[in-house]
Amino acid sequence: MSTKDWIEKDYYAALGLTKDASAADIKKAYRKLAVELHPDKNPGNAEAERRFKEVSEAYDVLSEDSKRKEYDEARSLFAGGAYRGGFGGGYPPPNAGGFPNGGATTFDMSDLFGGAGGTATGGAGGLGDVFGDLFASTGRRTTRSATGPTRGRDVEASVSLDFDEAVHGATLPLNLTGPATCRTCSGSGAAPGTSPRTCPRCSGTGFISRNQGAFGFSEPCPECRSTGQIIDTPCPTCAGSGVTSQTRTITVRVASGVRDGARLRIPGKGSPGSRGGPAGDLYVTVKVRSHALFGRSGDDLTITVPVTFAEATLGTTLQVPTAEGSVRVKVPAGTPSGRTLRVRGKGVATKKGAGDLLVTVSVAVPQNLSAEARSALEDFADAQPDDPRPDITAALASGATTAGAGSADGSSR
């Protein structure tokens, strides 16, 4: 993510937060939005997919203290228009006190870029890092020296798990195709048996200085393309880039209890860095397939079990499946349809402990009755004349309902 993106994008607004939001607020807001905007819940919705990527990008920056600090500093630097349009007129102002030449100020851009003989001052953490990002092609934060190591890009991937794999955990191979360090030249870019040499024009800094009027500018060296090195004999495999497209297999360990939409970070498994820099990170988004019997609510497993009218009325003991096997659940006599029974510790097991199994009882109504069954039910109705809707019966008897008479055909809509 470049500093230019950081300046233009308001990650706090993307999560519906203010700049003083706590880490807990950021995490809570991201989880809520990630669930609402997840592509699985919004198939074919391009706007939801765009927002999902936006909040994921915002969380990636704001969830890490170091990234959040850099982001806040970059936006604070530009918040009041500082340095905007000032590189050629207006900064510092003419005849400003404290500058030499009576106001005909020589303003050396190397003081900002910090890589061509100047150093950043003012305790801002290195303005060269900020301005370097505006023109960086890697999309990552650069170092002060063009010839120094540069961190590789972060890589996004996704993996689909069966419900049982998410509950119990799994180790999966993940095939990635993308840039990787060239095996022929080991990333140097030079053909085997040769080495890059220091650029004579910029002396290895990657920048050259030139004067234009009252200003001194530092600009990328055209001789070495700001790398600080010249490769006389490029590697035949990577054409001097030090990187080739390769397919590699990463083994991803998914802990038990992982939830749908979880984002796993695997350090050092992203794109390789340049000039000896560290590799980026791999971020894996987990997608969990649905299960034929179970649902999930946090760390609790949910299941709906049909029972007969007689079982619900008289009570029974059911054998109910769990994530690890089965368990016997007692259904008390007179249990109504829709009642949920809780079995402690039979849900999803995580490092924090195990959730519960939530068994919802559903009374199954037979669609076809034999003559004997119908006769038995009629006898039961005569023997058990209790009114299941006394409030409605009383209201009808008192004339409290005055709506017009009507009829229903029993069809469902």
Protein backbone atom coordinates (compact mmCIF):
# COMPACT_ATOMS: atom_id res chain seq x y z
CA MET A 1 0.00 0.00 0.00
CA SER A 2 1.60 3.29 -1.07
CA THR A 3 1.56 6.51 0.91
CA LYS A 4 -0.37 8.10 -1.94
CA ASP A 5 -3.18 5.63 -1.24
CA TRP A 6 -2.94 6.39 2.46
CA ILE A 7 -3.32 10.13 1.79
CA GLU A 8 -6.29 9.69 -0.53
CA LYS A 9 -8.19 7.00 1.42
CA ASP A 10 -9.89 7.53 4.77
CA TYR A 11 -9.67 4.12 6.40
CA TYR A 12 -11.42 5.32 9.56
CA ALA A 13 -14.44 6.43 7.53
CA ALA A 14 -14.43 3.11 5.67
CA LEU A 15 -15.00 1.36 9.02
CA GLY A 16 -17.42 4.02 10.24
CA LEU A 17 -15.01 5.19 12.95
CA THR A 18 -13.15 8.32 14.03
CA LYS A 19 -9.40 8.73 14.32
CA ASP A 20 -9.46 8.23 18.11
CA ALA A 21 -11.07 4.77 17.82
CA SER A 22 -9.52 2.10 20.03
CA ALA A 23 -8.06 -1.16 18.75
CA ALA A 24 -11.10 -2.98 20.13
CA ASP A 25 -13.46 -0.61 18.26
CA ILE A 26 -11.56 -1.20 15.02
CA LYS A 27 -11.72 -4.97 15.41
CA LYS A 28 -15.42 -4.91 16.29
CA ALA A 29 -16.33 -2.65 13.36
CA TYR A 30 -14.34 -4.76 10.89
CA ARG A 31 -15.92 -8.03 12.02
CA LYS A 32 -19.42 -6.58 11.71
CA LEU A 33 -18.82 -5.17 8.22
CA ALA A 34 -16.96 -8.28 7.02
CA VAL A 35 -19.95 -10.44 7.93
CA GLU A 36 -22.43 -8.06 6.27
CA LEU A 37 -20.40 -7.57 3.08
CA HIS A 38 -18.90 -11.05 2.61
CA PRO A 39 -19.16 -12.16 -1.06
CA ASP A 40 -20.84 -15.42 -0.03
CA LYS A 41 -23.73 -13.41 1.43
CA ASN A 42 -23.87 -11.00 -1.50
CA PRO A 43 -23.40 -13.08 -4.67
CA GLY A 44 -23.15 -10.94 -7.78
CA ASN A 45 -23.20 -7.68 -5.78
CA ALA A 46 -20.25 -5.69 -7.14
CA GLU A 47 -20.74 -2.84 -4.67
CA ALA A 48 -20.70 -5.22 -1.68
CA GLU A 49 -17.54 -6.86 -3.05
CA ARG A 50 -15.90 -3.43 -3.46
CA ARG A 51 -16.83 -2.44 0.09
CA PHE A 52 -15.60 -5.81 1.44
CA LYS A 53 -12.18 -5.19 -0.13
CA GLU A 54 -12.23 -1.59 1.17
CA VAL A 55 -12.90 -2.55 4.80
CA SER A 56 -10.38 -5.41 4.60
CA GLU A 57 -7.74 -2.98 3.33
CA ALA A 58 -8.63 -0.51 6.09
CA TYR A 59 -8.41 -3.20 8.78
CA ASP A 60 -5.07 -4.41 7.42
CA VAL A 61 -3.59 -0.96 8.05
CA LEU A 62 -5.38 0.11 11.24
CA SER A 63 -5.11 -3.22 13.08
CA GLU A 64 -1.32 -3.05 13.26
CA ASP A 65 0.09 -0.31 15.52
CA SER A 66 3.10 0.39 13.30
CA LYS A 67 1.08 0.67 10.09
CA ARG A 68 -1.55 2.79 11.81
CA LYS A 69 1.11 5.17 13.12
CA GLU A 70 2.63 5.60 9.64
CA TYR A 71 -0.83 6.11 8.15
CA ASP A 72 -1.77 8.76 10.70
CA GLU A 73 1.56 10.57 10.21
CA ALA A 74 1.21 10.56 6.42
CA ARG A 75 -2.34 11.96 6.51
CA SER A 76 -1.43 14.49 9.20
CA LEU A 77 1.47 15.74 7.07
CA PHE A 78 -0.85 16.52 4.16
CA ALA A 79 -3.98 17.45 6.16
CA GLY A 80 -3.40 21.20 6.06
CA GLY A 81 -2.06 21.32 2.52
CA ALA A 82 1.55 21.02 3.61
CA TYR A 83 3.89 20.57 0.63
CA ARG A 84 0.96 20.51 -1.81
CA GLY A 85 1.96 22.38 -4.93
CA GLY A 86 4.79 24.03 -3.04
CA PHE A 87 7.72 22.46 -4.87
CA GLY A 88 8.29 25.34 -7.22
CA GLY A 89 6.40 28.26 -5.84
CA GLY A 90 5.44 29.23 -2.35
CA TYR A 91 7.49 27.05 0.01
CA PRO A 92 9.29 28.42 1.80
CA PRO A 93 7.77 31.89 1.14
CA PRO A 94 10.02 34.54 -0.49
CA ASN A 95 12.15 36.58 1.91
CA ALA A 96 11.26 34.24 4.76
CA GLY A 97 13.33 34.91 7.82
CA GLY A 98 16.03 32.49 8.80
CA PHE A 99 16.94 31.49 5.22
CA PRO A 100 20.13 32.47 3.45
CA ASN A 101 20.48 34.66 0.35
CA GLY A 102 17.97 37.18 1.65
CA GLY A 103 14.97 35.12 0.70
CA ALA A 104 16.35 33.76 -2.60
CA THR A 105 16.13 30.36 -0.99
CA THR A 106 17.85 27.30 -2.37
CA PHE A 107 15.56 24.44 -1.39
CA ASP A 108 17.26 21.07 -1.92
CA MET A 109 14.74 18.29 -2.47
CA SER A 110 17.29 15.80 -1.21
CA ASP A 111 16.45 17.09 2.26
CA LEU A 112 13.04 15.57 1.77
CA PHE A 113 13.96 12.41 -0.04
CA GLY A 114 16.83 11.64 2.33
CA GLY A 115 18.54 9.35 -0.13
CA ALA A 116 20.79 11.67 -2.12
CA GLY A 117 22.95 13.12 0.57
CA GLY A 118 20.23 14.75 2.66
CA THR A 119 18.52 13.53 5.79
CA ALA A 120 14.97 14.10 6.92
CA THR A 121 14.63 16.35 9.93
CA GLY A 122 11.94 17.49 12.25
CA GLY A 123 11.30 14.12 13.89
CA ALA A 124 8.70 13.14 11.29
CA GLY A 125 10.13 9.69 10.93
CA GLY A 126 11.79 10.23 7.55
CA LEU A 127 9.99 12.28 4.89
CA GLY A 128 12.02 10.46 2.28
CA ASP A 129 9.99 7.37 3.11
CA VAL A 130 6.77 9.31 2.57
CA PHE A 131 7.66 10.95 -0.75
CA GLY A 132 9.42 7.86 -2.00
CA ASP A 133 6.15 5.95 -1.68
CA LEU A 134 4.35 8.40 -3.96
CA PHE A 135 6.43 7.22 -6.88
CA ALA A 136 7.27 3.67 -5.77
CA SER A 137 6.33 0.88 -8.17
CA THR A 138 6.31 -1.80 -5.52
CA GLY A 139 3.35 -0.44 -3.63
CA ARG A 140 5.26 -0.88 -0.36
CA ARG A 141 7.21 1.46 1.85
CA THR A 142 10.72 2.10 0.52
CA THR A 143 13.91 2.78 2.40
CA ARG A 144 15.90 5.97 2.27
CA SER A 145 18.55 4.59 0.00
CA ALA A 146 17.50 3.45 -3.46
CA THR A 147 20.05 0.68 -3.23
CA GLY A 148 18.86 -0.55 0.15
CA PRO A 149 16.66 -3.60 0.71
CA THR A 150 12.96 -3.27 -0.09
CA ARG A 151 10.22 -5.36 1.47
CA GLY A 152 8.15 -7.52 -0.87
CA ARG A 153 4.43 -7.16 -1.49
CA ASP A 154 1.80 -8.80 0.65
CA VAL A 155 -0.18 -11.52 -1.14
CA GLU A 156 -3.89 -12.29 -0.79
CA ALA A 157 -5.30 -15.80 -1.22
CA SER A 158 -8.39 -17.75 -0.17
CA VAL A 159 -9.02 -21.32 0.90
CA SER A 160 -12.30 -23.24 1.13
CA LEU A 161 -12.89 -25.67 4.01
CA ASP A 162 -15.53 -28.24 4.72
CA PHE A 163 -17.54 -27.59 7.86
CA ASP A 164 -15.85 -30.48 9.67
CA GLU A 165 -12.38 -29.21 8.70
CA ALA A 166 -13.19 -25.78 10.13
CA VAL A 167 -14.43 -27.33 13.38
CA HIS A 168 -11.53 -29.74 13.87
CA GLY A 169 -8.73 -27.83 12.11
CA ALA A 170 -6.82 -28.87 9.02
CA THR A 171 -3.47 -28.65 7.25
CA LEU A 172 -3.93 -27.79 3.58
CA PRO A 173 -1.58 -27.26 0.64
CA LEU A 174 -2.09 -23.88 -1.04
CA ASN A 175 -0.75 -23.47 -4.58
CA LEU A 176 0.34 -19.91 -5.39
CA THR A 177 1.47 -18.62 -8.76
CA GLY A 178 3.28 -15.30 -8.69
CA PRO A 179 6.65 -13.54 -8.53
CA ALA A 180 9.43 -15.32 -6.67
CA THR A 181 13.21 -14.99 -6.38
CA CYS A 182 14.91 -16.14 -9.57
CA ARG A 183 16.61 -19.47 -8.96
CA THR A 184 19.24 -18.88 -11.65
CA CYS A 185 20.74 -15.66 -10.26
CA SER A 186 19.42 -15.89 -6.68
CA GLY A 187 17.72 -12.53 -7.15
CA SER A 188 20.79 -10.49 -8.16
CA GLY A 189 19.59 -10.02 -11.75
CA ALA A 190 23.08 -10.73 -13.11
CA ALA A 191 24.00 -13.77 -15.17
CA PRO A 192 25.75 -16.58 -13.24
CA GLY A 193 29.44 -15.78 -12.81
CA THR A 194 28.89 -12.01 -12.96
CA SER A 195 27.83 -9.35 -10.49
CA PRO A 196 26.09 -5.96 -10.70
CA ARG A 197 28.39 -2.93 -10.49
CA THR A 198 27.83 0.42 -8.81
CA CYS A 199 26.31 3.03 -11.11
CA PRO A 200 29.06 5.59 -11.92
CA ARG A 201 26.64 8.45 -12.55
CA CYS A 202 24.89 8.45 -9.16
CA SER A 203 27.62 6.62 -7.20
CA GLY A 204 25.11 4.00 -6.14
CA THR A 205 22.62 6.38 -4.50
CA GLY A 206 19.97 5.98 -7.21
CA PHE A 207 19.47 9.79 -7.43
CA ILE A 208 21.17 12.65 -9.19
CA SER A 209 20.96 16.33 -8.27
CA ARG A 210 20.29 19.24 -10.59
CA ASN A 211 19.56 22.93 -10.12
CA GLN A 212 16.63 24.84 -11.54
CA GLY A 213 16.60 28.49 -10.66
CA ALA A 214 16.67 28.93 -6.93
CA PHE A 215 15.85 25.29 -6.25
CA GLY A 216 17.94 22.18 -6.13
CA PHE A 217 16.20 18.94 -7.10
CA SER A 218 17.04 15.30 -6.62
CA GLU A 219 15.59 12.98 -9.25
CA PRO A 220 15.88 9.28 -10.07
CA CYS A 221 19.04 8.39 -11.93
CA PRO A 222 18.18 7.53 -15.57
CA GLU A 223 21.36 5.51 -15.98
CA CYS A 224 20.45 2.83 -13.43
CA ARG A 225 16.72 3.59 -13.15
CA SER A 226 17.15 4.53 -9.51
CA THR A 227 18.53 1.12 -8.52
CA GLY A 228 22.09 2.32 -7.91
CA GLN A 229 23.45 -0.64 -9.86
CA ILE A 230 24.31 -1.47 -13.46
CA ILE A 231 23.89 -5.02 -14.73
CA ASP A 232 26.15 -5.54 -17.73
CA THR A 233 25.13 -9.16 -18.36
CA PRO A 234 21.52 -9.72 -17.33
CA CYS A 235 20.41 -13.10 -16.13
CA PRO A 236 18.90 -15.01 -19.09
CA THR A 237 16.10 -16.41 -16.96
CA CYS A 238 14.70 -13.23 -15.38
CA ALA A 239 16.11 -10.66 -17.86
CA GLY A 240 17.84 -8.83 -15.01
CA SER A 241 14.81 -8.35 -12.78
CA GLY A 242 15.85 -10.95 -10.20
CA VAL A 243 12.28 -12.23 -10.10
CA THR A 244 10.40 -14.85 -12.12
CA SER A 245 6.84 -16.13 -12.09
CA GLN A 246 6.75 -19.43 -10.25
CA THR A 247 4.22 -21.84 -8.81
CA ARG A 248 4.91 -22.72 -5.21
CA THR A 249 3.07 -24.76 -2.62
CA ILE A 250 2.51 -23.30 0.84
CA THR A 251 1.30 -25.52 3.66
CA VAL A 252 -1.38 -23.66 5.60
CA ARG A 253 -2.29 -24.80 9.11
CA VAL A 254 -5.85 -23.80 10.01
CA ALA A 255 -6.55 -24.02 13.73
CA SER A 256 -9.67 -25.75 15.01
CA GLY A 257 -12.73 -23.54 15.35
CA VAL A 258 -11.83 -21.14 12.52
CA ARG A 259 -14.84 -19.14 11.36
CA ASP A 260 -16.10 -18.28 7.91
CA GLY A 261 -14.47 -15.05 6.69
CA ALA A 262 -11.47 -15.32 9.03
CA ARG A 263 -8.27 -13.77 7.67
CA LEU A 264 -5.05 -15.59 8.53
CA ARG A 265 -1.64 -13.93 8.33
CA ILE A 266 1.39 -16.05 7.42
CA PRO A 267 4.56 -13.94 7.84
CA GLY A 268 7.22 -14.05 5.15
CA LYS A 269 5.22 -16.05 2.60
CA GLY A 270 4.30 -13.16 0.31
CA SER A 271 6.26 -11.82 -2.66
CA PRO A 272 10.06 -11.74 -2.31
CA GLY A 273 11.81 -8.49 -1.42
CA SER A 274 14.32 -6.80 -3.69
CA ARG A 275 18.02 -6.24 -3.05
CA GLY A 276 17.97 -8.58 -0.08
CA GLY A 277 14.82 -7.17 1.49
CA PRO A 278 12.41 -9.40 3.45
CA ALA A 279 9.46 -11.07 1.79
CA GLY A 280 5.95 -9.75 2.31
CA ASP A 281 3.24 -11.59 4.19
CA LEU A 282 0.56 -13.98 2.94
CA TYR A 283 -3.03 -13.26 3.98
CA VAL A 284 -5.45 -16.17 3.58
CA THR A 285 -9.22 -15.63 3.76
CA VAL A 286 -11.10 -18.72 4.95
CA LYS A 287 -14.41 -19.73 3.40
CA VAL A 288 -16.36 -22.46 5.20
CA ARG A 289 -18.88 -24.60 3.33
CA SER A 290 -22.27 -25.24 4.91
CA HIS A 291 -23.16 -28.53 6.62
CA ALA A 292 -26.18 -30.74 5.96
CA LEU A 293 -27.11 -30.99 9.67
CA PHE A 294 -25.21 -28.41 11.69
CA GLY A 295 -25.23 -24.65 11.80
CA ARG A 296 -22.94 -22.44 13.82
CA SER A 297 -23.43 -19.48 16.13
CA GLY A 298 -20.05 -18.31 17.41
CA ASP A 299 -18.55 -21.38 19.05
CA ASP A 300 -21.95 -23.05 19.52
CA LEU A 301 -23.18 -25.76 17.15
CA THR A 302 -26.87 -25.67 16.24
CA ILE A 303 -29.06 -28.51 15.04
CA THR A 304 -32.81 -28.95 14.53
CA VAL A 305 -34.22 -32.37 15.50
CA PRO A 306 -37.76 -33.39 14.42
CA VAL A 307 -39.90 -35.24 17.00
CA THR A 308 -43.35 -36.74 16.83
CA PHE A 309 -46.36 -35.22 18.61
CA ALA A 310 -46.35 -38.15 21.00
CA GLU A 311 -42.64 -37.68 21.82
CA ALA A 312 -43.08 -33.97 22.49
CA THR A 313 -46.17 -34.62 24.62
CA LEU A 314 -45.00 -37.61 26.63
CA GLY A 315 -41.29 -36.83 26.64
CA THR A 316 -38.46 -38.90 25.23
CA THR A 317 -34.68 -39.31 25.04
CA LEU A 318 -33.04 -38.60 21.67
CA GLN A 319 -29.67 -39.67 20.28
CA VAL A 320 -28.28 -36.48 18.72
CA PRO A 321 -25.07 -36.20 16.61
CA THR A 322 -22.25 -33.88 17.71
CA ALA A 323 -18.98 -32.75 16.16
CA GLU A 324 -17.19 -35.63 17.91
CA GLY A 325 -19.84 -38.36 17.85
CA SER A 326 -23.25 -38.32 19.51
CA VAL A 327 -24.96 -37.50 22.81
CA ARG A 328 -28.23 -38.44 24.49
CA VAL A 329 -30.60 -35.51 24.99
CA LYS A 330 -33.66 -35.74 27.26
CA VAL A 331 -36.79 -34.04 25.91
CA PRO A 332 -39.13 -33.21 28.84
CA ALA A 333 -42.82 -34.03 28.59
CA GLY A 334 -44.85 -31.17 27.16
CA THR A 335 -41.97 -29.68 25.17
CA PRO A 336 -43.35 -27.18 22.61
CA SER A 337 -42.16 -27.07 19.03
CA GLY A 338 -39.27 -24.60 18.62
CA ARG A 339 -37.86 -25.03 22.13
CA THR A 340 -34.04 -25.12 22.25
CA LEU A 341 -32.21 -27.46 24.61
CA ARG A 342 -28.58 -26.68 25.51
CA VAL A 343 -25.92 -29.40 25.88
CA ARG A 344 -22.86 -27.88 27.56
CA GLY A 345 -19.40 -28.35 26.06
CA LYS A 346 -20.49 -30.19 22.91
CA GLY A 347 -19.98 -27.33 20.48
CA VAL A 348 -16.84 -26.14 18.67
CA ALA A 349 -13.61 -26.66 20.62
CA THR A 350 -11.10 -23.76 20.49
CA LYS A 351 -8.10 -22.65 22.53
CA LYS A 352 -10.48 -20.70 24.76
CA GLY A 353 -12.66 -23.74 25.44
CA ALA A 354 -15.64 -25.49 23.86
CA GLY A 355 -18.98 -24.03 22.92
CA ASP A 356 -22.35 -25.70 23.45
CA LEU A 357 -24.66 -27.82 21.31
CA LEU A 358 -28.03 -26.11 20.80
CA VAL A 359 -30.75 -28.66 19.97
CA THR A 360 -33.97 -27.13 18.64
CA VAL A 361 -37.01 -29.43 18.85
CA SER A 362 -39.39 -29.32 15.90
CA VAL A 363 -42.71 -31.21 16.12
CA ALA A 364 -43.29 -33.04 12.85
CA VAL A 365 -46.91 -32.98 11.66
CA PRO A 366 -47.87 -36.08 9.64
CA GLN A 367 -49.20 -35.29 6.17
CA ASN A 368 -51.06 -38.56 5.62
CA LEU A 369 -53.00 -40.45 8.29
CA SER A 370 -54.31 -43.98 8.19
CA ALA A 371 -57.90 -44.60 9.20
CA GLU A 372 -56.74 -46.07 12.50
CA ALA A 373 -54.49 -43.09 13.26
CA ARG A 374 -57.24 -40.60 12.43
CA SER A 375 -59.68 -42.43 14.68
CA ALA A 376 -57.14 -42.47 17.49
CA LEU A 377 -56.55 -38.72 17.15
CA GLU A 378 -60.25 -38.00 17.20
CA ASP A 379 -60.57 -40.06 20.36
CA PHE A 380 -57.65 -38.11 21.86
CA ALA A 381 -59.29 -34.77 20.97
CA ASP A 382 -62.47 -35.86 22.72
CA ALA A 383 -60.56 -37.08 25.77
CA GLN A 384 -58.32 -33.97 25.97
CA PRO A 385 -60.65 -31.01 25.38
CA ASP A 386 -58.17 -28.33 26.58
CA ASP A 387 -58.29 -25.07 24.60
CA PRO A 388 -54.74 -24.13 23.38
CA ARG A 389 -55.85 -20.53 22.60
CA PRO A 390 -57.97 -19.32 25.55
CA ASP A 391 -57.19 -15.61 25.03
CA ILE A 392 -58.42 -15.68 21.44
CA THR A 393 -61.52 -17.68 22.40
CA ALA A 394 -62.34 -15.18 25.17
CA ALA A 395 -61.90 -12.24 22.81
CA LEU A 396 -64.23 -13.80 20.26
CA ALA A 397 -66.81 -14.58 22.93
CA SER A 398 -66.82 -10.98 24.22
CA GLY A 399 -67.13 -9.50 20.73
CA ALA A 400 -63.82 -7.66 21.10
CA THR A 401 -62.91 -8.43 17.50
CA THR A 402 -65.16 -6.48 15.13
CA ALA A 403 -63.41 -7.02 11.82
CA GLY A 404 -65.57 -8.14 8.93
CA ALA A 405 -66.37 -11.81 8.59
CA GLY A 406 -64.17 -13.76 6.21
CA SER A 407 -62.93 -17.21 5.40
CA ALA A 408 -59.62 -18.88 4.67
CA ASP A 409 -58.95 -21.82 2.39
CA GLY A 410 -55.94 -23.03 4.37
CA SER A 411 -53.47 -22.39 1.59
CA SER A 412 -50.06 -20.95 2.39
CA ARG A 413 -48.49 -18.02 0.57
